[in-house]
Amino acid sequence: MTFRTISVLFSTSLVVTAYALQGPGEVTKAVAGQEKDRAAIENFIKHDIAATLSQDQTALAELWTNDGVRLGPGAPVDIGREAIRATNERFKALCRGYAS
């Protein structure tokens, strides 16, 4: 056997042993954590859709954290909830100007 083959076999057995020693409790905790994360993401998406459809700039800005950073191509960086809200307002006003 080559050194590489021995290394692969050793690594594989190490991973299998570590997984076996964790027991089913760790897997259950991981799945519960994933379900909690999924529910939080789905809740965020629901609020994002509602704020977008209503064009409520305050609600859209509230989806960001105070230290959030929004990057866009060819646009200045928005740092923080208030900067993001202000850019949203300017964009909405600009779009209204085109619609008139």
PDB file of N, CA and C in Angstrom:
ATOM      1  N   MET A   1       0.839  -1.182   0.000  1.00  0.00           N
ATOM      2  CA  MET A   1       0.000   0.000   0.000  1.00  0.00           C
ATOM      3  C   MET A   1       0.883   1.244   0.000  1.00  0.00           C
ATOM      4  N   THR A   2       0.363   2.251  -0.669  1.00  0.00           N
ATOM      5  CA  THR A   2       1.098   3.512  -0.707  1.00  0.00           C
ATOM      6  C   THR A   2       0.747   4.347   0.514  1.00  0.00           C
ATOM      7  N   PHE A   3       1.549   5.354   0.740  1.00  0.00           N
ATOM      8  CA  PHE A   3       1.301   6.258   1.862  1.00  0.00           C
ATOM      9  C   PHE A   3      -0.042   6.949   1.696  1.00  0.00           C
ATOM     10  N   ARG A   4      -0.383   7.294   0.465  1.00  0.00           N
ATOM     11  CA  ARG A   4      -1.655   7.982   0.211  1.00  0.00           C
ATOM     12  C   ARG A   4      -2.837   7.084   0.563  1.00  0.00           C
ATOM     13  N   THR A   5      -2.793   5.833   0.185  1.00  0.00           N
ATOM     14  CA  THR A   5      -3.863   4.893   0.478  1.00  0.00           C
ATOM     15  C   THR A   5      -4.023   4.721   1.987  1.00  0.00           C
ATOM     16  N   ILE A   6      -2.905   4.607   2.679  1.00  0.00           N
ATOM     17  CA  ILE A   6      -2.951   4.461   4.127  1.00  0.00           C
ATOM     18  C   ILE A   6      -3.561   5.717   4.757  1.00  0.00           C
ATOM     19  N   SER A   7      -3.190   6.888   4.251  1.00  0.00           N
ATOM     20  CA  SER A   7      -3.726   8.143   4.776  1.00  0.00           C
ATOM     21  C   SER A   7      -5.229   8.226   4.578  1.00  0.00           C
ATOM     22  N   VAL A   8      -5.710   7.829   3.408  1.00  0.00           N
ATOM     23  CA  VAL A   8      -7.141   7.871   3.120  1.00  0.00           C
ATOM     24  C   VAL A   8      -7.894   6.903   4.035  1.00  0.00           C
ATOM     25  N   LEU A   9      -7.380   5.706   4.194  1.00  0.00           N
ATOM     26  CA  LEU A   9      -8.026   4.716   5.054  1.00  0.00           C
ATOM     27  C   LEU A   9      -8.048   5.187   6.507  1.00  0.00           C
ATOM     28  N   PHE A  10      -6.950   5.753   6.963  1.00  0.00           N
ATOM     29  CA  PHE A  10      -6.890   6.247   8.337  1.00  0.00           C
ATOM     30  C   PHE A  10      -7.882   7.391   8.546  1.00  0.00           C
ATOM     31  N   SER A  11      -7.926   8.330   7.607  1.00  0.00           N
ATOM     32  CA  SER A  11      -8.841   9.470   7.718  1.00  0.00           C
ATOM     33  C   SER A  11     -10.281   9.005   7.725  1.00  0.00           C
ATOM     34  N   THR A  12     -10.604   8.066   6.855  1.00  0.00           N
ATOM     35  CA  THR A  12     -11.966   7.547   6.780  1.00  0.00           C
ATOM     36  C   THR A  12     -12.356   6.858   8.084  1.00  0.00           C
ATOM     37  N   SER A  13     -11.466   6.051   8.625  1.00  0.00           N
ATOM     38  CA  SER A  13     -11.787   5.355   9.872  1.00  0.00           C
ATOM     39  C   SER A  13     -11.904   6.348  11.027  1.00  0.00           C
ATOM     40  N   LEU A  14     -11.126   7.400  11.013  1.00  0.00           N
ATOM     41  CA  LEU A  14     -11.209   8.428  12.044  1.00  0.00           C
ATOM     42  C   LEU A  14     -12.566   9.131  12.005  1.00  0.00           C
ATOM     43  N   VAL A  15     -13.030   9.464  10.812  1.00  0.00           N
ATOM     44  CA  VAL A  15     -14.317  10.130  10.657  1.00  0.00           C
ATOM     45  C   VAL A  15     -15.454   9.214  11.101  1.00  0.00           C
ATOM     46  N   VAL A  16     -15.417   7.967  10.695  1.00  0.00           N
ATOM     47  CA  VAL A  16     -16.461   7.011  11.065  1.00  0.00           C
ATOM     48  C   VAL A  16     -16.486   6.815  12.581  1.00  0.00           C
ATOM     49  N   THR A  17     -15.326   6.706  13.198  1.00  0.00           N
ATOM     50  CA  THR A  17     -15.250   6.537  14.650  1.00  0.00           C
ATOM     51  C   THR A  17     -15.803   7.764  15.369  1.00  0.00           C
ATOM     52  N   ALA A  18     -15.434   8.941  14.911  1.00  0.00           N
ATOM     53  CA  ALA A  18     -15.924  10.171  15.535  1.00  0.00           C
ATOM     54  C   ALA A  18     -17.444  10.264  15.424  1.00  0.00           C
ATOM     55  N   TYR A  19     -17.970   9.911  14.269  1.00  0.00           N
ATOM     56  CA  TYR A  19     -19.421   9.947  14.070  1.00  0.00           C
ATOM     57  C   TYR A  19     -20.108   8.951  14.998  1.00  0.00           C
ATOM     58  N   ALA A  20     -19.539   7.754  15.120  1.00  0.00           N
ATOM     59  CA  ALA A  20     -20.137   6.718  15.963  1.00  0.00           C
ATOM     60  C   ALA A  20     -20.109   7.130  17.436  1.00  0.00           C
ATOM     61  N   LEU A  21     -19.066   7.812  17.855  1.00  0.00           N
ATOM     62  CA  LEU A  21     -18.954   8.223  19.253  1.00  0.00           C
ATOM     63  C   LEU A  21     -19.896   9.360  19.612  1.00  0.00           C
ATOM     64  N   GLN A  22     -20.302  10.143  18.626  1.00  0.00           N
ATOM     65  CA  GLN A  22     -21.226  11.241  18.900  1.00  0.00           C
ATOM     66  C   GLN A  22     -22.587  10.717  19.321  1.00  0.00           C
ATOM     67  N   GLY A  23     -23.003   9.642  18.757  1.00  0.00           N
ATOM     68  CA  GLY A  23     -24.293   9.058  19.088  1.00  0.00           C
ATOM     69  C   GLY A  23     -25.435   9.772  18.387  1.00  0.00           C
ATOM     70  N   PRO A  24     -26.634   9.214  18.485  1.00  0.00           N
ATOM     71  CA  PRO A  24     -27.784   9.777  17.781  1.00  0.00           C
ATOM     72  C   PRO A  24     -28.230  11.124  18.336  1.00  0.00           C
ATOM     73  N   GLY A  25     -27.881  11.438  19.575  1.00  0.00           N
ATOM     74  CA  GLY A  25     -28.308  12.698  20.175  1.00  0.00           C
ATOM     75  C   GLY A  25     -27.767  13.913  19.431  1.00  0.00           C
ATOM     76  N   GLU A  26     -26.528  13.852  18.994  1.00  0.00           N
ATOM     77  CA  GLU A  26     -25.925  14.974  18.270  1.00  0.00           C
ATOM     78  C   GLU A  26     -26.604  15.183  16.921  1.00  0.00           C
ATOM     79  N   VAL A  27     -26.942  14.102  16.265  1.00  0.00           N
ATOM     80  CA  VAL A  27     -27.618  14.201  14.973  1.00  0.00           C
ATOM     81  C   VAL A  27     -28.997  14.827  15.161  1.00  0.00           C
ATOM     82  N   THR A  28     -29.703  14.407  16.205  1.00  0.00           N
ATOM     83  CA  THR A  28     -31.030  14.953  16.491  1.00  0.00           C
ATOM     84  C   THR A  28     -30.944  16.445  16.775  1.00  0.00           C
ATOM     85  N   LYS A  29     -29.936  16.863  17.537  1.00  0.00           N
ATOM     86  CA  LYS A  29     -29.747  18.287  17.827  1.00  0.00           C
ATOM     87  C   LYS A  29     -29.467  19.067  16.543  1.00  0.00           C
ATOM     88  N   ALA A  30     -28.665  18.497  15.668  1.00  0.00           N
ATOM     89  CA  ALA A  30     -28.335  19.178  14.419  1.00  0.00           C
ATOM     90  C   ALA A  30     -29.585  19.353  13.560  1.00  0.00           C
ATOM     91  N   VAL A  31     -30.418  18.332  13.476  1.00  0.00           N
ATOM     92  CA  VAL A  31     -31.647  18.408  12.688  1.00  0.00           C
ATOM     93  C   VAL A  31     -32.596  19.437  13.289  1.00  0.00           C
ATOM     94  N   ALA A  32     -32.716  19.456  14.624  1.00  0.00           N
ATOM     95  CA  ALA A  32     -33.583  20.435  15.276  1.00  0.00           C
ATOM     96  C   ALA A  32     -33.080  21.847  15.011  1.00  0.00           C
ATOM     97  N   GLY A  33     -31.766  22.028  15.032  1.00  0.00           N
ATOM     98  CA  GLY A  33     -31.189  23.337  14.732  1.00  0.00           C
ATOM     99  C   GLY A  33     -31.463  23.762  13.303  1.00  0.00           C
ATOM    100  N   GLN A  34     -31.392  22.809  12.384  1.00  0.00           N
ATOM    101  CA  GLN A  34     -31.679  23.114  10.981  1.00  0.00           C
ATOM    102  C   GLN A  34     -33.138  23.497  10.801  1.00  0.00           C
ATOM    103  N   GLU A  35     -34.029  22.824  11.493  1.00  0.00           N
ATOM    104  CA  GLU A  35     -35.461  23.147  11.395  1.00  0.00           C
ATOM    105  C   GLU A  35     -35.738  24.539  11.947  1.00  0.00           C
ATOM    106  N   LYS A  36     -35.066  24.891  13.031  1.00  0.00           N
ATOM    107  CA  LYS A  36     -35.214  26.223  13.615  1.00  0.00           C
ATOM    108  C   LYS A  36     -34.697  27.294  12.645  1.00  0.00           C
ATOM    109  N   ASP A  37     -33.547  27.018  12.029  1.00  0.00           N
ATOM    110  CA  ASP A  37     -32.990  27.952  11.040  1.00  0.00           C
ATOM    111  C   ASP A  37     -33.926  28.105   9.850  1.00  0.00           C
ATOM    112  N   ARG A  38     -34.463  26.996   9.359  1.00  0.00           N
ATOM    113  CA  ARG A  38     -35.375  27.030   8.214  1.00  0.00           C
ATOM    114  C   ARG A  38     -36.621  27.863   8.535  1.00  0.00           C
ATOM    115  N   ALA A  39     -37.171  27.686   9.743  1.00  0.00           N
ATOM    116  CA  ALA A  39     -38.357  28.449  10.146  1.00  0.00           C
ATOM    117  C   ALA A  39     -38.039  29.944  10.202  1.00  0.00           C
ATOM    118  N   ALA A  40     -36.856  30.291  10.706  1.00  0.00           N
ATOM    119  CA  ALA A  40     -36.459  31.701  10.773  1.00  0.00           C
ATOM    120  C   ALA A  40     -36.289  32.290   9.375  1.00  0.00           C
ATOM    121  N   ILE A  41     -35.713  31.528   8.470  1.00  0.00           N
ATOM    122  CA  ILE A  41     -35.528  31.998   7.092  1.00  0.00           C
ATOM    123  C   ILE A  41     -36.877  32.178   6.413  1.00  0.00           C
ATOM    124  N   GLU A  42     -37.782  31.210   6.589  1.00  0.00           N
ATOM    125  CA  GLU A  42     -39.110  31.320   5.983  1.00  0.00           C
ATOM    126  C   GLU A  42     -39.874  32.520   6.544  1.00  0.00           C
ATOM    127  N   ASN A  43     -39.720  32.791   7.827  1.00  0.00           N
ATOM    128  CA  ASN A  43     -40.358  33.947   8.445  1.00  0.00           C
ATOM    129  C   ASN A  43     -39.783  35.245   7.860  1.00  0.00           C
ATOM    130  N   PHE A  44     -38.472  35.281   7.686  1.00  0.00           N
ATOM    131  CA  PHE A  44     -37.833  36.457   7.094  1.00  0.00           C
ATOM    132  C   PHE A  44     -38.344  36.686   5.665  1.00  0.00           C
ATOM    133  N   ILE A  45     -38.423  35.631   4.884  1.00  0.00           N
ATOM    134  CA  ILE A  45     -38.888  35.749   3.497  1.00  0.00           C
ATOM    135  C   ILE A  45     -40.326  36.265   3.461  1.00  0.00           C
ATOM    136  N   LYS A  46     -41.163  35.771   4.367  1.00  0.00           N
ATOM    137  CA  LYS A  46     -42.550  36.225   4.435  1.00  0.00           C
ATOM    138  C   LYS A  46     -42.606  37.732   4.695  1.00  0.00           C
ATOM    139  N   HIS A  47     -41.811  38.213   5.650  1.00  0.00           N
ATOM    140  CA  HIS A  47     -41.788  39.639   5.950  1.00  0.00           C
ATOM    141  C   HIS A  47     -41.194  40.453   4.797  1.00  0.00           C
ATOM    142  N   ASP A  48     -40.176  39.908   4.134  1.00  0.00           N
ATOM    143  CA  ASP A  48     -39.562  40.595   2.994  1.00  0.00           C
ATOM    144  C   ASP A  48     -40.566  40.756   1.859  1.00  0.00           C
ATOM    145  N   ILE A  49     -41.325  39.713   1.564  1.00  0.00           N
ATOM    146  CA  ILE A  49     -42.325  39.776   0.492  1.00  0.00           C
ATOM    147  C   ILE A  49     -43.405  40.801   0.835  1.00  0.00           C
ATOM    148  N   ALA A  50     -43.888  40.765   2.081  1.00  0.00           N
ATOM    149  CA  ALA A  50     -44.937  41.710   2.488  1.00  0.00           C
ATOM    150  C   ALA A  50     -44.443  43.150   2.388  1.00  0.00           C
ATOM    151  N   ALA A  51     -43.219  43.414   2.854  1.00  0.00           N
ATOM    152  CA  ALA A  51     -42.674  44.776   2.810  1.00  0.00           C
ATOM    153  C   ALA A  51     -42.425  45.216   1.369  1.00  0.00           C
ATOM    154  N   THR A  52     -41.964  44.306   0.521  1.00  0.00           N
ATOM    155  CA  THR A  52     -41.694  44.638  -0.879  1.00  0.00           C
ATOM    156  C   THR A  52     -42.988  44.950  -1.615  1.00  0.00           C
ATOM    157  N   LEU A  53     -44.005  44.116  -1.435  1.00  0.00           N
ATOM    158  CA  LEU A  53     -45.266  44.332  -2.143  1.00  0.00           C
ATOM    159  C   LEU A  53     -45.969  45.609  -1.690  1.00  0.00           C
ATOM    160  N   SER A  54     -45.824  45.953  -0.402  1.00  0.00           N
ATOM    161  CA  SER A  54     -46.459  47.172   0.096  1.00  0.00           C
ATOM    162  C   SER A  54     -45.604  48.411  -0.182  1.00  0.00           C
ATOM    163  N   GLN A  55     -44.361  48.199  -0.620  1.00  0.00           N
ATOM    164  CA  GLN A  55     -43.394  49.269  -0.872  1.00  0.00           C
ATOM    165  C   GLN A  55     -43.185  50.131   0.374  1.00  0.00           C
ATOM    166  N   ASP A  56     -43.245  49.495   1.526  1.00  0.00           N
ATOM    167  CA  ASP A  56     -43.050  50.165   2.809  1.00  0.00           C
ATOM    168  C   ASP A  56     -41.549  50.235   3.088  1.00  0.00           C
ATOM    169  N   GLN A  57     -40.970  51.415   2.882  1.00  0.00           N
ATOM    170  CA  GLN A  57     -39.524  51.579   3.014  1.00  0.00           C
ATOM    171  C   GLN A  57     -39.053  51.364   4.446  1.00  0.00           C
ATOM    172  N   THR A  58     -39.862  51.732   5.416  1.00  0.00           N
ATOM    173  CA  THR A  58     -39.486  51.524   6.814  1.00  0.00           C
ATOM    174  C   THR A  58     -39.440  50.031   7.124  1.00  0.00           C
ATOM    175  N   ALA A  59     -40.452  49.298   6.676  1.00  0.00           N
ATOM    176  CA  ALA A  59     -40.478  47.844   6.912  1.00  0.00           C
ATOM    177  C   ALA A  59     -39.324  47.157   6.191  1.00  0.00           C
ATOM    178  N   LEU A  60     -39.016  47.600   4.988  1.00  0.00           N
ATOM    179  CA  LEU A  60     -37.883  47.018   4.261  1.00  0.00           C
ATOM    180  C   LEU A  60     -36.578  47.273   5.002  1.00  0.00           C
ATOM    181  N   ALA A  61     -36.405  48.488   5.516  1.00  0.00           N
ATOM    182  CA  ALA A  61     -35.176  48.813   6.244  1.00  0.00           C
ATOM    183  C   ALA A  61     -35.088  48.024   7.548  1.00  0.00           C
ATOM    184  N   GLU A  62     -36.210  47.757   8.177  1.00  0.00           N
ATOM    185  CA  GLU A  62     -36.215  47.023   9.444  1.00  0.00           C
ATOM    186  C   GLU A  62     -35.758  45.573   9.279  1.00  0.00           C
ATOM    187  N   LEU A  63     -35.771  45.069   8.056  1.00  0.00           N
ATOM    188  CA  LEU A  63     -35.297  43.712   7.810  1.00  0.00           C
ATOM    189  C   LEU A  63     -33.780  43.614   7.959  1.00  0.00           C
ATOM    190  N   TRP A  64     -33.083  44.753   7.900  1.00  0.00           N
ATOM    191  CA  TRP A  64     -31.630  44.804   8.015  1.00  0.00           C
ATOM    192  C   TRP A  64     -31.242  45.040   9.467  1.00  0.00           C
ATOM    193  N   THR A  65     -30.057  44.589   9.841  1.00  0.00           N
ATOM    194  CA  THR A  65     -29.532  44.895  11.168  1.00  0.00           C
ATOM    195  C   THR A  65     -28.880  46.273  11.128  1.00  0.00           C
ATOM    196  N   ASN A  66     -28.611  46.827  12.296  1.00  0.00           N
ATOM    197  CA  ASN A  66     -28.006  48.153  12.360  1.00  0.00           C
ATOM    198  C   ASN A  66     -26.607  48.190  11.751  1.00  0.00           C
ATOM    199  N   ASP A  67     -25.959  47.047  11.674  1.00  0.00           N
ATOM    200  CA  ASP A  67     -24.623  47.008  11.070  1.00  0.00           C
ATOM    201  C   ASP A  67     -24.635  46.311   9.703  1.00  0.00           C
ATOM    202  N   GLY A  68     -25.819  46.198   9.093  1.00  0.00           N
ATOM    203  CA  GLY A  68     -25.935  45.554   7.779  1.00  0.00           C
ATOM    204  C   GLY A  68     -25.214  46.351   6.704  1.00  0.00           C
ATOM    205  N   VAL A  69     -24.718  45.651   5.709  1.00  0.00           N
ATOM    206  CA  VAL A  69     -24.012  46.274   4.595  1.00  0.00           C
ATOM    207  C   VAL A  69     -24.654  45.788   3.306  1.00  0.00           C
ATOM    208  N   ARG A  70     -25.084  46.735   2.456  1.00  0.00           N
ATOM    209  CA  ARG A  70     -25.675  46.379   1.170  1.00  0.00           C
ATOM    210  C   ARG A  70     -24.738  46.849   0.068  1.00  0.00           C
ATOM    211  N   LEU A  71     -24.368  45.908  -0.786  1.00  0.00           N
ATOM    212  CA  LEU A  71     -23.489  46.188  -1.912  1.00  0.00           C
ATOM    213  C   LEU A  71     -24.287  46.048  -3.198  1.00  0.00           C
ATOM    214  N   GLY A  72     -24.039  46.927  -4.140  1.00  0.00           N
ATOM    215  CA  GLY A  72     -24.704  46.834  -5.429  1.00  0.00           C
ATOM    216  C   GLY A  72     -23.751  47.256  -6.528  1.00  0.00           C
ATOM    217  N   PRO A  73     -23.925  46.710  -7.707  1.00  0.00           N
ATOM    218  CA  PRO A  73     -23.026  47.071  -8.806  1.00  0.00           C
ATOM    219  C   PRO A  73     -23.200  48.535  -9.193  1.00  0.00           C
ATOM    220  N   GLY A  74     -22.107  49.258  -9.244  1.00  0.00           N
ATOM    221  CA  GLY A  74     -22.149  50.652  -9.669  1.00  0.00           C
ATOM    222  C   GLY A  74     -22.819  51.581  -8.685  1.00  0.00           C
ATOM    223  N   ALA A  75     -23.002  51.147  -7.451  1.00  0.00           N
ATOM    224  CA  ALA A  75     -23.670  51.969  -6.440  1.00  0.00           C
ATOM    225  C   ALA A  75     -22.772  52.078  -5.217  1.00  0.00           C
ATOM    226  N   PRO A  76     -22.902  53.174  -4.481  1.00  0.00           N
ATOM    227  CA  PRO A  76     -22.109  53.261  -3.253  1.00  0.00           C
ATOM    228  C   PRO A  76     -22.588  52.236  -2.227  1.00  0.00           C
ATOM    229  N   VAL A  77     -21.716  51.881  -1.318  1.00  0.00           N
ATOM    230  CA  VAL A  77     -22.038  50.914  -0.277  1.00  0.00           C
ATOM    231  C   VAL A  77     -22.952  51.571   0.757  1.00  0.00           C
ATOM    232  N   ASP A  78     -24.019  50.880   1.117  1.00  0.00           N
ATOM    233  CA  ASP A  78     -24.904  51.337   2.193  1.00  0.00           C
ATOM    234  C   ASP A  78     -24.519  50.583   3.455  1.00  0.00           C
ATOM    235  N   ILE A  79     -24.184  51.332   4.514  1.00  0.00           N
ATOM    236  CA  ILE A  79     -23.810  50.703   5.770  1.00  0.00           C
ATOM    237  C   ILE A  79     -24.800  51.137   6.839  1.00  0.00           C
ATOM    238  N   GLY A  80     -25.522  50.171   7.378  1.00  0.00           N
ATOM    239  CA  GLY A  80     -26.480  50.443   8.438  1.00  0.00           C
ATOM    240  C   GLY A  80     -27.896  50.578   7.921  1.00  0.00           C
ATOM    241  N   ARG A  81     -28.816  50.326   8.816  1.00  0.00           N
ATOM    242  CA  ARG A  81     -30.240  50.332   8.495  1.00  0.00           C
ATOM    243  C   ARG A  81     -30.697  51.675   7.936  1.00  0.00           C
ATOM    244  N   GLU A  82     -30.269  52.775   8.543  1.00  0.00           N
ATOM    245  CA  GLU A  82     -30.730  54.094   8.108  1.00  0.00           C
ATOM    246  C   GLU A  82     -30.195  54.454   6.721  1.00  0.00           C
ATOM    247  N   ALA A  83     -28.964  54.089   6.429  1.00  0.00           N
ATOM    248  CA  ALA A  83     -28.412  54.351   5.089  1.00  0.00           C
ATOM    249  C   ALA A  83     -29.168  53.550   4.035  1.00  0.00           C
ATOM    250  N   ILE A  84     -29.505  52.343   4.357  1.00  0.00           N
ATOM    251  CA  ILE A  84     -30.263  51.494   3.427  1.00  0.00           C
ATOM    252  C   ILE A  84     -31.655  52.071   3.205  1.00  0.00           C
ATOM    253  N   ARG A  85     -32.314  52.510   4.293  1.00  0.00           N
ATOM    254  CA  ARG A  85     -33.640  53.109   4.171  1.00  0.00           C
ATOM    255  C   ARG A  85     -33.586  54.366   3.318  1.00  0.00           C
ATOM    256  N   ALA A  86     -32.573  55.207   3.520  1.00  0.00           N
ATOM    257  CA  ALA A  86     -32.449  56.444   2.752  1.00  0.00           C
ATOM    258  C   ALA A  86     -32.251  56.159   1.266  1.00  0.00           C
ATOM    259  N   THR A  87     -31.441  55.169   0.944  1.00  0.00           N
ATOM    260  CA  THR A  87     -31.245  54.793  -0.460  1.00  0.00           C
ATOM    261  C   THR A  87     -32.537  54.257  -1.055  1.00  0.00           C
ATOM    262  N   ASN A  88     -33.275  53.456  -0.283  1.00  0.00           N
ATOM    263  CA  ASN A  88     -34.574  52.949  -0.749  1.00  0.00           C
ATOM    264  C   ASN A  88     -35.513  54.105  -1.083  1.00  0.00           C
ATOM    265  N   GLU A  89     -35.559  55.102  -0.191  1.00  0.00           N
ATOM    266  CA  GLU A  89     -36.428  56.265  -0.407  1.00  0.00           C
ATOM    267  C   GLU A  89     -36.020  57.031  -1.670  1.00  0.00           C
ATOM    268  N   ARG A  90     -34.708  57.251  -1.850  1.00  0.00           N
ATOM    269  CA  ARG A  90     -34.239  57.968  -3.054  1.00  0.00           C
ATOM    270  C   ARG A  90     -34.597  57.203  -4.319  1.00  0.00           C
ATOM    271  N   PHE A  91     -34.422  55.885  -4.278  1.00  0.00           N
ATOM    272  CA  PHE A  91     -34.736  55.066  -5.449  1.00  0.00           C
ATOM    273  C   PHE A  91     -36.232  55.104  -5.752  1.00  0.00           C
ATOM    274  N   LYS A  92     -37.047  55.026  -4.711  1.00  0.00           N
ATOM    275  CA  LYS A  92     -38.503  55.075  -4.901  1.00  0.00           C
ATOM    276  C   LYS A  92     -38.912  56.417  -5.493  1.00  0.00           C
ATOM    277  N   ALA A  93     -38.328  57.519  -5.001  1.00  0.00           N
ATOM    278  CA  ALA A  93     -38.640  58.859  -5.532  1.00  0.00           C
ATOM    279  C   ALA A  93     -38.191  58.976  -6.985  1.00  0.00           C
ATOM    280  N   LEU A  94     -37.032  58.411  -7.295  1.00  0.00           N
ATOM    281  CA  LEU A  94     -36.529  58.454  -8.669  1.00  0.00           C
ATOM    282  C   LEU A  94     -37.467  57.676  -9.594  1.00  0.00           C
ATOM    283  N   CYS A  95     -37.938  56.538  -9.156  1.00  0.00           N
ATOM    284  CA  CYS A  95     -38.860  55.738  -9.968  1.00  0.00           C
ATOM    285  C   CYS A  95     -40.188  56.468 -10.178  1.00  0.00           C
ATOM    286  N   ARG A  96     -40.657  57.176  -9.140  1.00  0.00           N
ATOM    287  CA  ARG A  96     -41.892  57.962  -9.290  1.00  0.00           C
ATOM    288  C   ARG A  96     -41.705  59.055 -10.336  1.00  0.00           C
ATOM    289  N   GLY A  97     -40.511  59.639 -10.366  1.00  0.00           N
ATOM    290  CA  GLY A  97     -40.222  60.690 -11.332  1.00  0.00           C
ATOM    291  C   GLY A  97     -40.293  60.184 -12.761  1.00  0.00           C
ATOM    292  N   TYR A  98     -39.863  58.938 -12.977  1.00  0.00           N
ATOM    293  CA  TYR A  98     -39.921  58.349 -14.315  1.00  0.00           C
ATOM    294  C   TYR A  98     -41.337  57.988 -14.704  1.00  0.00           C
ATOM    295  N   ALA A  99     -42.160  57.646 -13.730  1.00  0.00           N
ATOM    296  CA  ALA A  99     -43.531  57.218 -14.005  1.00  0.00           C
ATOM    297  C   ALA A  99     -44.425  58.410 -14.346  1.00  0.00           C
ATOM    298  N   SER A 100     -44.018  59.605 -13.930  1.00  0.00           N
ATOM    299  CA  SER A 100     -44.860  60.788 -14.155  1.00  0.00           C
ATOM    300  C   SER A 100     -44.816  61.261 -15.586  1.00  0.00           C
TER     301      SER A 100
END
